[in-house]
Amino acid sequence: MMRKRFKFYKNDLVRPAPSFRSGFIGWKALADSEIESWREKLHQDILAGRILPHDDAGESHLPPRTKSVEVFYDRVYCVMKGRVRVPHGFSTSSAVEIFDFTTGETIWVSECNLEHI
């Protein structure tokens, strides 16, 4: 079954699709300060003996690059970029970049999860 693709353009107003009204998640890039605070917490946990400096395979812990953000159905979002390739975990994904008027954050969302207003 082929997924229906929508075209989103800059300044389009969108909201989450009706099928994604509860538990809908987008993601955003972490700022350098957030990554640095993660590293400091990791260092403190290693010194306190709560975790090992390496995982079971002997590899060092990598900092997260993105953070999950909740996208609310009752809010309206503005499209900043209609099609972007963004980091998602340690791979890339195709998404739409939207702007949240309430928080002032830029959020990436999969295009199949949005609808035009």
PDB file of N, CA and C in Angstrom:
ATOM      1  N   MET A   1       0.846  -1.180   0.000  1.00  0.00           N
ATOM      2  CA  MET A   1       0.000   0.000   0.000  1.00  0.00           C
ATOM      3  C   MET A   1       0.887   1.237   0.000  1.00  0.00           C
ATOM      4  N   MET A   2       0.616   2.145  -0.885  1.00  0.00           N
ATOM      5  CA  MET A   2       1.406   3.362  -1.000  1.00  0.00           C
ATOM      6  C   MET A   2       0.865   4.420  -0.031  1.00  0.00           C
ATOM      7  N   ARG A   3       1.759   5.079   0.653  1.00  0.00           N
ATOM      8  CA  ARG A   3       1.391   6.124   1.589  1.00  0.00           C
ATOM      9  C   ARG A   3       1.104   7.412   0.833  1.00  0.00           C
ATOM     10  N   LYS A   4       0.010   8.083   1.187  1.00  0.00           N
ATOM     11  CA  LYS A   4      -0.333   9.343   0.533  1.00  0.00           C
ATOM     12  C   LYS A   4       0.625  10.421   1.001  1.00  0.00           C
ATOM     13  N   ARG A   5       1.230  11.143   0.074  1.00  0.00           N
ATOM     14  CA  ARG A   5       2.186  12.197   0.397  1.00  0.00           C
ATOM     15  C   ARG A   5       1.543  13.549   0.150  1.00  0.00           C
ATOM     16  N   PHE A   6       1.738  14.434   1.095  1.00  0.00           N
ATOM     17  CA  PHE A   6       1.207  15.781   0.991  1.00  0.00           C
ATOM     18  C   PHE A   6       2.336  16.729   0.665  1.00  0.00           C
ATOM     19  N   LYS A   7       2.011  17.813   0.024  1.00  0.00           N
ATOM     20  CA  LYS A   7       3.010  18.837  -0.250  1.00  0.00           C
ATOM     21  C   LYS A   7       2.804  19.962   0.744  1.00  0.00           C
ATOM     22  N   PHE A   8       3.858  20.254   1.467  1.00  0.00           N
ATOM     23  CA  PHE A   8       3.827  21.349   2.422  1.00  0.00           C
ATOM     24  C   PHE A   8       4.808  22.410   1.951  1.00  0.00           C
ATOM     25  N   TYR A   9       4.385  23.649   2.037  1.00  0.00           N
ATOM     26  CA  TYR A   9       5.221  24.761   1.612  1.00  0.00           C
ATOM     27  C   TYR A   9       5.412  25.725   2.772  1.00  0.00           C
ATOM     28  N   LYS A  10       6.440  26.558   2.674  1.00  0.00           N
ATOM     29  CA  LYS A  10       6.735  27.529   3.705  1.00  0.00           C
ATOM     30  C   LYS A  10       5.508  28.403   3.978  1.00  0.00           C
ATOM     31  N   ASN A  11       5.252  28.654   5.252  1.00  0.00           N
ATOM     32  CA  ASN A  11       4.145  29.472   5.766  1.00  0.00           C
ATOM     33  C   ASN A  11       2.780  28.801   5.686  1.00  0.00           C
ATOM     34  N   ASP A  12       2.702  27.526   5.308  1.00  0.00           N
ATOM     35  CA  ASP A  12       1.435  26.791   5.406  1.00  0.00           C
ATOM     36  C   ASP A  12       1.099  26.603   6.880  1.00  0.00           C
ATOM     37  N   LEU A  13      -0.174  26.647   7.222  1.00  0.00           N
ATOM     38  CA  LEU A  13      -0.612  26.356   8.578  1.00  0.00           C
ATOM     39  C   LEU A  13      -1.045  24.902   8.638  1.00  0.00           C
ATOM     40  N   VAL A  14      -0.538  24.178   9.639  1.00  0.00           N
ATOM     41  CA  VAL A  14      -0.809  22.750   9.752  1.00  0.00           C
ATOM     42  C   VAL A  14      -1.136  22.402  11.197  1.00  0.00           C
ATOM     43  N   ARG A  15      -1.651  21.182  11.366  1.00  0.00           N
ATOM     44  CA  ARG A  15      -1.870  20.596  12.687  1.00  0.00           C
ATOM     45  C   ARG A  15      -1.699  19.089  12.533  1.00  0.00           C
ATOM     46  N   PRO A  16      -1.592  18.365  13.644  1.00  0.00           N
ATOM     47  CA  PRO A  16      -1.477  16.906  13.533  1.00  0.00           C
ATOM     48  C   PRO A  16      -2.722  16.301  12.894  1.00  0.00           C
ATOM     49  N   ALA A  17      -2.517  15.259  12.135  1.00  0.00           N
ATOM     50  CA  ALA A  17      -3.634  14.564  11.490  1.00  0.00           C
ATOM     51  C   ALA A  17      -4.538  13.945  12.557  1.00  0.00           C
ATOM     52  N   PRO A  18      -5.841  13.773  12.264  1.00  0.00           N
ATOM     53  CA  PRO A  18      -6.774  13.227  13.267  1.00  0.00           C
ATOM     54  C   PRO A  18      -6.371  11.870  13.821  1.00  0.00           C
ATOM     55  N   SER A  19      -5.696  11.063  13.028  1.00  0.00           N
ATOM     56  CA  SER A  19      -5.294   9.733  13.510  1.00  0.00           C
ATOM     57  C   SER A  19      -4.155   9.797  14.527  1.00  0.00           C
ATOM     58  N   PHE A  20      -3.544  10.984  14.701  1.00  0.00           N
ATOM     59  CA  PHE A  20      -2.430  11.122  15.628  1.00  0.00           C
ATOM     60  C   PHE A  20      -2.750  12.116  16.744  1.00  0.00           C
ATOM     61  N   ARG A  21      -3.996  12.124  17.215  1.00  0.00           N
ATOM     62  CA  ARG A  21      -4.400  13.107  18.222  1.00  0.00           C
ATOM     63  C   ARG A  21      -3.776  12.855  19.589  1.00  0.00           C
ATOM     64  N   SER A  22      -3.490  11.625  19.927  1.00  0.00           N
ATOM     65  CA  SER A  22      -2.913  11.365  21.250  1.00  0.00           C
ATOM     66  C   SER A  22      -1.534  10.739  21.090  1.00  0.00           C
ATOM     67  N   GLY A  23      -0.608  11.195  21.883  1.00  0.00           N
ATOM     68  CA  GLY A  23       0.731  10.636  21.889  1.00  0.00           C
ATOM     69  C   GLY A  23       1.543  10.942  20.651  1.00  0.00           C
ATOM     70  N   PHE A  24       1.309  12.089  20.027  1.00  0.00           N
ATOM     71  CA  PHE A  24       2.021  12.445  18.806  1.00  0.00           C
ATOM     72  C   PHE A  24       3.331  13.125  19.169  1.00  0.00           C
ATOM     73  N   ILE A  25       4.412  12.650  18.599  1.00  0.00           N
ATOM     74  CA  ILE A  25       5.736  13.130  18.973  1.00  0.00           C
ATOM     75  C   ILE A  25       6.498  13.618  17.747  1.00  0.00           C
ATOM     76  N   GLY A  26       7.166  14.756  17.890  1.00  0.00           N
ATOM     77  CA  GLY A  26       8.119  15.239  16.910  1.00  0.00           C
ATOM     78  C   GLY A  26       9.495  15.219  17.564  1.00  0.00           C
ATOM     79  N   TRP A  27      10.480  15.778  16.914  1.00  0.00           N
ATOM     80  CA  TRP A  27      11.799  15.832  17.523  1.00  0.00           C
ATOM     81  C   TRP A  27      12.513  17.097  17.109  1.00  0.00           C
ATOM     82  N   LYS A  28      13.525  17.468  17.891  1.00  0.00           N
ATOM     83  CA  LYS A  28      14.302  18.674  17.606  1.00  0.00           C
ATOM     84  C   LYS A  28      15.759  18.421  17.949  1.00  0.00           C
ATOM     85  N   ALA A  29      16.628  19.234  17.379  1.00  0.00           N
ATOM     86  CA  ALA A  29      18.061  19.101  17.635  1.00  0.00           C
ATOM     87  C   ALA A  29      18.387  19.631  19.023  1.00  0.00           C
ATOM     88  N   LEU A  30      19.348  19.012  19.665  1.00  0.00           N
ATOM     89  CA  LEU A  30      19.795  19.486  20.973  1.00  0.00           C
ATOM     90  C   LEU A  30      20.778  20.629  20.807  1.00  0.00           C
ATOM     91  N   ALA A  31      20.690  21.592  21.692  1.00  0.00           N
ATOM     92  CA  ALA A  31      21.639  22.696  21.710  1.00  0.00           C
ATOM     93  C   ALA A  31      22.955  22.217  22.321  1.00  0.00           C
ATOM     94  N   ASP A  32      24.030  22.952  22.059  1.00  0.00           N
ATOM     95  CA  ASP A  32      25.334  22.583  22.611  1.00  0.00           C
ATOM     96  C   ASP A  32      25.313  22.548  24.130  1.00  0.00           C
ATOM     97  N   SER A  33      24.569  23.447  24.750  1.00  0.00           N
ATOM     98  CA  SER A  33      24.492  23.472  26.213  1.00  0.00           C
ATOM     99  C   SER A  33      23.806  22.222  26.758  1.00  0.00           C
ATOM    100  N   GLU A  34      22.791  21.711  26.043  1.00  0.00           N
ATOM    101  CA  GLU A  34      22.112  20.489  26.479  1.00  0.00           C
ATOM    102  C   GLU A  34      23.025  19.276  26.347  1.00  0.00           C
ATOM    103  N   ILE A  35      23.816  19.233  25.291  1.00  0.00           N
ATOM    104  CA  ILE A  35      24.768  18.126  25.117  1.00  0.00           C
ATOM    105  C   ILE A  35      25.855  18.193  26.188  1.00  0.00           C
ATOM    106  N   GLU A  36      26.318  19.394  26.495  1.00  0.00           N
ATOM    107  CA  GLU A  36      27.344  19.564  27.529  1.00  0.00           C
ATOM    108  C   GLU A  36      26.817  19.152  28.899  1.00  0.00           C
ATOM    109  N   SER A  37      25.560  19.488  29.210  1.00  0.00           N
ATOM    110  CA  SER A  37      24.996  19.076  30.504  1.00  0.00           C
ATOM    111  C   SER A  37      24.837  17.553  30.560  1.00  0.00           C
ATOM    112  N   TRP A  38      24.527  16.903  29.409  1.00  0.00           N
ATOM    113  CA  TRP A  38      24.462  15.451  29.371  1.00  0.00           C
ATOM    114  C   TRP A  38      25.841  14.857  29.666  1.00  0.00           C
ATOM    115  N   ARG A  39      26.883  15.438  29.079  1.00  0.00           N
ATOM    116  CA  ARG A  39      28.246  14.949  29.323  1.00  0.00           C
ATOM    117  C   ARG A  39      28.652  15.115  30.788  1.00  0.00           C
ATOM    118  N   GLU A  40      28.289  16.256  31.388  1.00  0.00           N
ATOM    119  CA  GLU A  40      28.616  16.479  32.801  1.00  0.00           C
ATOM    120  C   GLU A  40      27.907  15.468  33.695  1.00  0.00           C
ATOM    121  N   LYS A  41      26.635  15.190  33.419  1.00  0.00           N
ATOM    122  CA  LYS A  41      25.889  14.207  34.197  1.00  0.00           C
ATOM    123  C   LYS A  41      26.495  12.821  34.020  1.00  0.00           C
ATOM    124  N   LEU A  42      26.891  12.472  32.809  1.00  0.00           N
ATOM    125  CA  LEU A  42      27.542  11.185  32.564  1.00  0.00           C
ATOM    126  C   LEU A  42      28.836  11.081  33.363  1.00  0.00           C
ATOM    127  N   HIS A  43      29.623  12.149  33.349  1.00  0.00           N
ATOM    128  CA  HIS A  43      30.892  12.153  34.088  1.00  0.00           C
ATOM    129  C   HIS A  43      30.649  11.978  35.594  1.00  0.00           C
ATOM    130  N   GLN A  44      29.641  12.659  36.132  1.00  0.00           N
ATOM    131  CA  GLN A  44      29.321  12.524  37.552  1.00  0.00           C
ATOM    132  C   GLN A  44      28.848  11.109  37.879  1.00  0.00           C
ATOM    133  N   ASP A  45      28.040  10.505  36.997  1.00  0.00           N
ATOM    134  CA  ASP A  45      27.562   9.136  37.215  1.00  0.00           C
ATOM    135  C   ASP A  45      28.712   8.136  37.171  1.00  0.00           C
ATOM    136  N   ILE A  46      29.685   8.362  36.296  1.00  0.00           N
ATOM    137  CA  ILE A  46      30.852   7.472  36.209  1.00  0.00           C
ATOM    138  C   ILE A  46      31.686   7.579  37.479  1.00  0.00           C
ATOM    139  N   LEU A  47      31.922   8.808  37.945  1.00  0.00           N
ATOM    140  CA  LEU A  47      32.703   9.004  39.173  1.00  0.00           C
ATOM    141  C   LEU A  47      32.000   8.423  40.392  1.00  0.00           C
ATOM    142  N   ALA A  48      30.673   8.477  40.427  1.00  0.00           N
ATOM    143  CA  ALA A  48      29.913   7.940  41.553  1.00  0.00           C
ATOM    144  C   ALA A  48      29.755   6.427  41.469  1.00  0.00           C
ATOM    145  N   GLY A  49      30.115   5.826  40.338  1.00  0.00           N
ATOM    146  CA  GLY A  49      30.025   4.378  40.177  1.00  0.00           C
ATOM    147  C   GLY A  49      28.643   3.885  39.781  1.00  0.00           C
ATOM    148  N   ARG A  50      27.765   4.778  39.347  1.00  0.00           N
ATOM    149  CA  ARG A  50      26.419   4.362  38.946  1.00  0.00           C
ATOM    150  C   ARG A  50      26.405   3.698  37.575  1.00  0.00           C
ATOM    151  N   ILE A  51      27.307   4.093  36.692  1.00  0.00           N
ATOM    152  CA  ILE A  51      27.404   3.466  35.371  1.00  0.00           C
ATOM    153  C   ILE A  51      28.879   3.286  35.016  1.00  0.00           C
ATOM    154  N   LEU A  52      29.128   2.426  34.038  1.00  0.00           N
ATOM    155  CA  LEU A  52      30.493   2.199  33.563  1.00  0.00           C
ATOM    156  C   LEU A  52      30.830   3.219  32.483  1.00  0.00           C
ATOM    157  N   PRO A  53      32.129   3.542  32.312  1.00  0.00           N
ATOM    158  CA  PRO A  53      32.490   4.507  31.278  1.00  0.00           C
ATOM    159  C   PRO A  53      32.273   4.000  29.855  1.00  0.00           C
ATOM    160  N   HIS A  54      32.102   2.686  29.709  1.00  0.00           N
ATOM    161  CA  HIS A  54      31.883   2.091  28.389  1.00  0.00           C
ATOM    162  C   HIS A  54      30.706   1.144  28.464  1.00  0.00           C
ATOM    163  N   ASP A  55      30.082   0.868  27.308  1.00  0.00           N
ATOM    164  CA  ASP A  55      28.986  -0.099  27.286  1.00  0.00           C
ATOM    165  C   ASP A  55      29.551  -1.521  27.269  1.00  0.00           C
ATOM    166  N   ASP A  56      28.683  -2.514  27.118  1.00  0.00           N
ATOM    167  CA  ASP A  56      29.105  -3.916  27.174  1.00  0.00           C
ATOM    168  C   ASP A  56      30.079  -4.290  26.060  1.00  0.00           C
ATOM    169  N   ALA A  57      30.025  -3.595  24.946  1.00  0.00           N
ATOM    170  CA  ALA A  57      30.916  -3.887  23.833  1.00  0.00           C
ATOM    171  C   ALA A  57      32.240  -3.131  23.941  1.00  0.00           C
ATOM    172  N   GLY A  58      32.422  -2.345  24.991  1.00  0.00           N
ATOM    173  CA  GLY A  58      33.659  -1.597  25.172  1.00  0.00           C
ATOM    174  C   GLY A  58      33.686  -0.260  24.450  1.00  0.00           C
ATOM    175  N   GLU A  59      32.537   0.182  23.940  1.00  0.00           N
ATOM    176  CA  GLU A  59      32.472   1.457  23.226  1.00  0.00           C
ATOM    177  C   GLU A  59      32.026   2.562  24.177  1.00  0.00           C
ATOM    178  N   SER A  60      32.531   3.755  23.962  1.00  0.00           N
ATOM    179  CA  SER A  60      32.153   4.870  24.828  1.00  0.00           C
ATOM    180  C   SER A  60      30.712   5.300  24.545  1.00  0.00           C
ATOM    181  N   HIS A  61      30.095   5.930  25.534  1.00  0.00           N
ATOM    182  CA  HIS A  61      28.724   6.405  25.392  1.00  0.00           C
ATOM    183  C   HIS A  61      28.699   7.619  24.468  1.00  0.00           C
ATOM    184  N   LEU A  62      27.785   7.616  23.500  1.00  0.00           N
ATOM    185  CA  LEU A  62      27.638   8.745  22.584  1.00  0.00           C
ATOM    186  C   LEU A  62      26.520   9.656  23.064  1.00  0.00           C
ATOM    187  N   PRO A  63      26.692  10.965  22.957  1.00  0.00           N
ATOM    188  CA  PRO A  63      25.628  11.873  23.393  1.00  0.00           C
ATOM    189  C   PRO A  63      24.455  11.842  22.418  1.00  0.00           C
ATOM    190  N   PRO A  64      23.253  12.100  22.915  1.00  0.00           N
ATOM    191  CA  PRO A  64      22.106  12.158  22.010  1.00  0.00           C
ATOM    192  C   PRO A  64      22.212  13.378  21.101  1.00  0.00           C
ATOM    193  N   ARG A  65      21.676  13.268  19.891  1.00  0.00           N
ATOM    194  CA  ARG A  65      21.700  14.399  18.955  1.00  0.00           C
ATOM    195  C   ARG A  65      20.346  15.074  18.846  1.00  0.00           C
ATOM    196  N   THR A  66      19.272  14.338  19.187  1.00  0.00           N
ATOM    197  CA  THR A  66      17.920  14.885  19.091  1.00  0.00           C
ATOM    198  C   THR A  66      17.157  14.615  20.380  1.00  0.00           C
ATOM    199  N   LYS A  67      16.031  15.311  20.506  1.00  0.00           N
ATOM    200  CA  LYS A  67      15.187  15.186  21.695  1.00  0.00           C
ATOM    201  C   LYS A  67      13.735  15.104  21.234  1.00  0.00           C
ATOM    202  N   SER A  68      12.947  14.227  21.842  1.00  0.00           N
ATOM    203  CA  SER A  68      11.524  14.113  21.509  1.00  0.00           C
ATOM    204  C   SER A  68      10.761  15.307  22.062  1.00  0.00           C
ATOM    205  N   VAL A  69       9.798  15.781  21.275  1.00  0.00           N
ATOM    206  CA  VAL A  69       8.968  16.924  21.655  1.00  0.00           C
ATOM    207  C   VAL A  69       7.519  16.552  21.377  1.00  0.00           C
ATOM    208  N   GLU A  70       6.623  16.853  22.316  1.00  0.00           N
ATOM    209  CA  GLU A  70       5.208  16.555  22.105  1.00  0.00           C
ATOM    210  C   GLU A  70       4.583  17.598  21.194  1.00  0.00           C
ATOM    211  N   VAL A  71       3.786  17.130  20.246  1.00  0.00           N
ATOM    212  CA  VAL A  71       3.065  18.001  19.323  1.00  0.00           C
ATOM    213  C   VAL A  71       1.584  17.881  19.674  1.00  0.00           C
ATOM    214  N   PHE A  72       0.951  18.999  20.000  1.00  0.00           N
ATOM    215  CA  PHE A  72      -0.426  18.985  20.490  1.00  0.00           C
ATOM    216  C   PHE A  72      -1.418  19.205  19.358  1.00  0.00           C
ATOM    217  N   TYR A  73      -2.542  18.480  19.417  1.00  0.00           N
ATOM    218  CA  TYR A  73      -3.546  18.564  18.369  1.00  0.00           C
ATOM    219  C   TYR A  73      -4.279  19.903  18.361  1.00  0.00           C
ATOM    220  N   ASP A  74      -4.438  20.514  19.531  1.00  0.00           N
ATOM    221  CA  ASP A  74      -5.224  21.748  19.603  1.00  0.00           C
ATOM    222  C   ASP A  74      -4.424  22.992  19.219  1.00  0.00           C
ATOM    223  N   ARG A  75      -3.167  22.838  18.836  1.00  0.00           N
ATOM    224  CA  ARG A  75      -2.339  23.973  18.425  1.00  0.00           C
ATOM    225  C   ARG A  75      -2.196  24.017  16.911  1.00  0.00           C
ATOM    226  N   VAL A  76      -1.926  25.211  16.419  1.00  0.00           N
ATOM    227  CA  VAL A  76      -1.666  25.413  14.993  1.00  0.00           C
ATOM    228  C   VAL A  76      -0.175  25.685  14.835  1.00  0.00           C
ATOM    229  N   TYR A  77       0.432  25.079  13.832  1.00  0.00           N
ATOM    230  CA  TYR A  77       1.860  25.217  13.582  1.00  0.00           C
ATOM    231  C   TYR A  77       2.078  25.802  12.193  1.00  0.00           C
ATOM    232  N   CYS A  78       3.192  26.477  12.023  1.00  0.00           N
ATOM    233  CA  CYS A  78       3.548  27.064  10.733  1.00  0.00           C
ATOM    234  C   CYS A  78       4.701  26.267  10.131  1.00  0.00           C
ATOM    235  N   VAL A  79       4.597  25.939   8.857  1.00  0.00           N
ATOM    236  CA  VAL A  79       5.666  25.198   8.178  1.00  0.00           C
ATOM    237  C   VAL A  79       6.823  26.149   7.885  1.00  0.00           C
ATOM    238  N   MET A  80       8.010  25.787   8.338  1.00  0.00           N
ATOM    239  CA  MET A  80       9.218  26.562   8.052  1.00  0.00           C
ATOM    240  C   MET A  80       9.910  26.028   6.799  1.00  0.00           C
ATOM    241  N   LYS A  81       9.982  24.699   6.696  1.00  0.00           N
ATOM    242  CA  LYS A  81      10.548  24.035   5.514  1.00  0.00           C
ATOM    243  C   LYS A  81       9.678  22.834   5.190  1.00  0.00           C
ATOM    244  N   GLY A  82       9.300  22.711   3.922  1.00  0.00           N
ATOM    245  CA  GLY A  82       8.392  21.655   3.509  1.00  0.00           C
ATOM    246  C   GLY A  82       9.004  20.279   3.407  1.00  0.00           C
ATOM    247  N   ARG A  83      10.292  20.204   3.175  1.00  0.00           N
ATOM    248  CA  ARG A  83      10.961  18.909   3.064  1.00  0.00           C
ATOM    249  C   ARG A  83      12.400  19.052   3.529  1.00  0.00           C
ATOM    250  N   VAL A  84      12.758  18.327   4.581  1.00  0.00           N
ATOM    251  CA  VAL A  84      14.127  18.368   5.104  1.00  0.00           C
ATOM    252  C   VAL A  84      14.589  16.960   5.441  1.00  0.00           C
ATOM    253  N   ARG A  85      15.886  16.754   5.389  1.00  0.00           N
ATOM    254  CA  ARG A  85      16.508  15.512   5.861  1.00  0.00           C
ATOM    255  C   ARG A  85      17.149  15.859   7.197  1.00  0.00           C
ATOM    256  N   VAL A  86      16.702  15.193   8.244  1.00  0.00           N
ATOM    257  CA  VAL A  86      17.137  15.551   9.589  1.00  0.00           C
ATOM    258  C   VAL A  86      17.660  14.322  10.324  1.00  0.00           C
ATOM    259  N   PRO A  87      18.539  14.548  11.322  1.00  0.00           N
ATOM    260  CA  PRO A  87      19.005  13.413  12.121  1.00  0.00           C
ATOM    261  C   PRO A  87      17.874  12.874  12.985  1.00  0.00           C
ATOM    262  N   HIS A  88      17.762  11.565  13.027  1.00  0.00           N
ATOM    263  CA  HIS A  88      16.786  10.901  13.878  1.00  0.00           C
ATOM    264  C   HIS A  88      17.475   9.678  14.457  1.00  0.00           C
ATOM    265  N   GLY A  89      17.926   9.788  15.700  1.00  0.00           N
ATOM    266  CA  GLY A  89      18.793   8.773  16.259  1.00  0.00           C
ATOM    267  C   GLY A  89      20.153   8.928  15.607  1.00  0.00           C
ATOM    268  N   PHE A  90      20.688   7.861  15.063  1.00  0.00           N
ATOM    269  CA  PHE A  90      21.975   7.947  14.369  1.00  0.00           C
ATOM    270  C   PHE A  90      21.804   7.641  12.887  1.00  0.00           C
ATOM    271  N   SER A  91      20.620   7.980  12.359  1.00  0.00           N
ATOM    272  CA  SER A  91      20.367   7.916  10.917  1.00  0.00           C
ATOM    273  C   SER A  91      19.675   9.216  10.529  1.00  0.00           C
ATOM    274  N   THR A  92      19.236   9.326   9.291  1.00  0.00           N
ATOM    275  CA  THR A  92      18.502  10.514   8.874  1.00  0.00           C
ATOM    276  C   THR A  92      17.101  10.123   8.435  1.00  0.00           C
ATOM    277  N   SER A  93      16.208  11.082   8.478  1.00  0.00           N
ATOM    278  CA  SER A  93      14.817  10.835   8.142  1.00  0.00           C
ATOM    279  C   SER A  93      14.268  12.032   7.375  1.00  0.00           C
ATOM    280  N   SER A  94      13.258  11.788   6.549  1.00  0.00           N
ATOM    281  CA  SER A  94      12.606  12.864   5.825  1.00  0.00           C
ATOM    282  C   SER A  94      11.500  13.430   6.705  1.00  0.00           C
ATOM    283  N   ALA A  95      11.411  14.758   6.788  1.00  0.00           N
ATOM    284  CA  ALA A  95      10.443  15.378   7.684  1.00  0.00           C
ATOM    285  C   ALA A  95      10.042  16.760   7.181  1.00  0.00           C
ATOM    286  N   VAL A  96       9.113  17.364   7.915  1.00  0.00           N
ATOM    287  CA  VAL A  96       8.680  18.738   7.699  1.00  0.00           C
ATOM    288  C   VAL A  96       9.103  19.526   8.930  1.00  0.00           C
ATOM    289  N   GLU A  97       9.685  20.704   8.720  1.00  0.00           N
ATOM    290  CA  GLU A  97      10.096  21.541   9.844  1.00  0.00           C
ATOM    291  C   GLU A  97       8.974  22.521  10.147  1.00  0.00           C
ATOM    292  N   ILE A  98       8.437  22.466  11.382  1.00  0.00           N
ATOM    293  CA  ILE A  98       7.337  23.344  11.771  1.00  0.00           C
ATOM    294  C   ILE A  98       7.761  24.227  12.938  1.00  0.00           C
ATOM    295  N   PHE A  99       7.062  25.340  13.089  1.00  0.00           N
ATOM    296  CA  PHE A  99       7.335  26.295  14.155  1.00  0.00           C
ATOM    297  C   PHE A  99       6.165  26.292  15.122  1.00  0.00           C
ATOM    298  N   ASP A 100       6.462  26.134  16.411  1.00  0.00           N
ATOM    299  CA  ASP A 100       5.446  26.157  17.459  1.00  0.00           C
ATOM    300  C   ASP A 100       5.328  27.586  17.990  1.00  0.00           C
ATOM    301  N   PHE A 101       4.186  28.222  17.762  1.00  0.00           N
ATOM    302  CA  PHE A 101       3.989  29.601  18.196  1.00  0.00           C
ATOM    303  C   PHE A 101       3.993  29.732  19.722  1.00  0.00           C
ATOM    304  N   THR A 102       3.564  28.699  20.427  1.00  0.00           N
ATOM    305  CA  THR A 102       3.456  28.757  21.885  1.00  0.00           C
ATOM    306  C   THR A 102       4.820  28.736  22.559  1.00  0.00           C
ATOM    307  N   THR A 103       5.690  27.817  22.152  1.00  0.00           N
ATOM    308  CA  THR A 103       6.996  27.669  22.807  1.00  0.00           C
ATOM    309  C   THR A 103       8.116  28.377  22.062  1.00  0.00           C
ATOM    310  N   GLY A 104       7.903  28.703  20.784  1.00  0.00           N
ATOM    311  CA  GLY A 104       8.947  29.333  19.991  1.00  0.00           C
ATOM    312  C   GLY A 104       9.993  28.361  19.485  1.00  0.00           C
ATOM    313  N   GLU A 105       9.705  27.058  19.530  1.00  0.00           N
ATOM    314  CA  GLU A 105      10.654  26.032  19.088  1.00  0.00           C
ATOM    315  C   GLU A 105      10.385  25.628  17.644  1.00  0.00           C
ATOM    316  N   THR A 106      11.437  25.189  16.981  1.00  0.00           N
ATOM    317  CA  THR A 106      11.318  24.576  15.668  1.00  0.00           C
ATOM    318  C   THR A 106      11.339  23.070  15.875  1.00  0.00           C
ATOM    319  N   ILE A 107      10.346  22.384  15.312  1.00  0.00           N
ATOM    320  CA  ILE A 107      10.174  20.946  15.532  1.00  0.00           C
ATOM    321  C   ILE A 107      10.150  20.243  14.181  1.00  0.00           C
ATOM    322  N   TRP A 108      10.723  19.047  14.131  1.00  0.00           N
ATOM    323  CA  TRP A 108      10.660  18.219  12.933  1.00  0.00           C
ATOM    324  C   TRP A 108       9.583  17.165  13.130  1.00  0.00           C
ATOM    325  N   VAL A 109       8.748  16.987  12.102  1.00  0.00           N
ATOM    326  CA  VAL A 109       7.646  16.038  12.174  1.00  0.00           C
ATOM    327  C   VAL A 109       7.582  15.282  10.852  1.00  0.00           C
ATOM    328  N   SER A 110       7.275  14.004  10.927  1.00  0.00           N
ATOM    329  CA  SER A 110       7.091  13.223   9.708  1.00  0.00           C
ATOM    330  C   SER A 110       5.900  13.774   8.937  1.00  0.00           C
ATOM    331  N   GLU A 111       6.023  13.922   7.623  1.00  0.00           N
ATOM    332  CA  GLU A 111       4.993  14.594   6.825  1.00  0.00           C
ATOM    333  C   GLU A 111       3.658  13.847   6.807  1.00  0.00           C
ATOM    334  N   CYS A 112       3.664  12.546   6.998  1.00  0.00           N
ATOM    335  CA  CYS A 112       2.397  11.791   6.980  1.00  0.00           C
ATOM    336  C   CYS A 112       1.585  12.037   8.251  1.00  0.00           C
ATOM    337  N   ASN A 113       2.167  12.690   9.251  1.00  0.00           N
ATOM    338  CA  ASN A 113       1.472  12.955  10.513  1.00  0.00           C
ATOM    339  C   ASN A 113       0.816  14.332  10.561  1.00  0.00           C
ATOM    340  N   LEU A 114       0.881  15.085   9.475  1.00  0.00           N
ATOM    341  CA  LEU A 114       0.349  16.454   9.453  1.00  0.00           C
ATOM    342  C   LEU A 114      -0.776  16.586   8.434  1.00  0.00           C
ATOM    343  N   GLU A 115      -1.633  17.593   8.656  1.00  0.00           N
ATOM    344  CA  GLU A 115      -2.660  17.931   7.691  1.00  0.00           C
ATOM    345  C   GLU A 115      -2.741  19.455   7.576  1.00  0.00           C
ATOM    346  N   HIS A 116      -3.170  19.926   6.410  1.00  0.00           N
ATOM    347  CA  HIS A 116      -3.363  21.354   6.201  1.00  0.00           C
ATOM    348  C   HIS A 116      -4.604  21.839   6.959  1.00  0.00           C
ATOM    349  N   ILE A 117      -4.603  23.116   7.276  1.00  0.00           N
ATOM    350  CA  ILE A 117      -5.789  23.723   7.905  1.00  0.00           C
ATOM    351  C   ILE A 117      -6.574  24.431   6.826  1.00  0.00           C
TER     352      ILE A 117
END
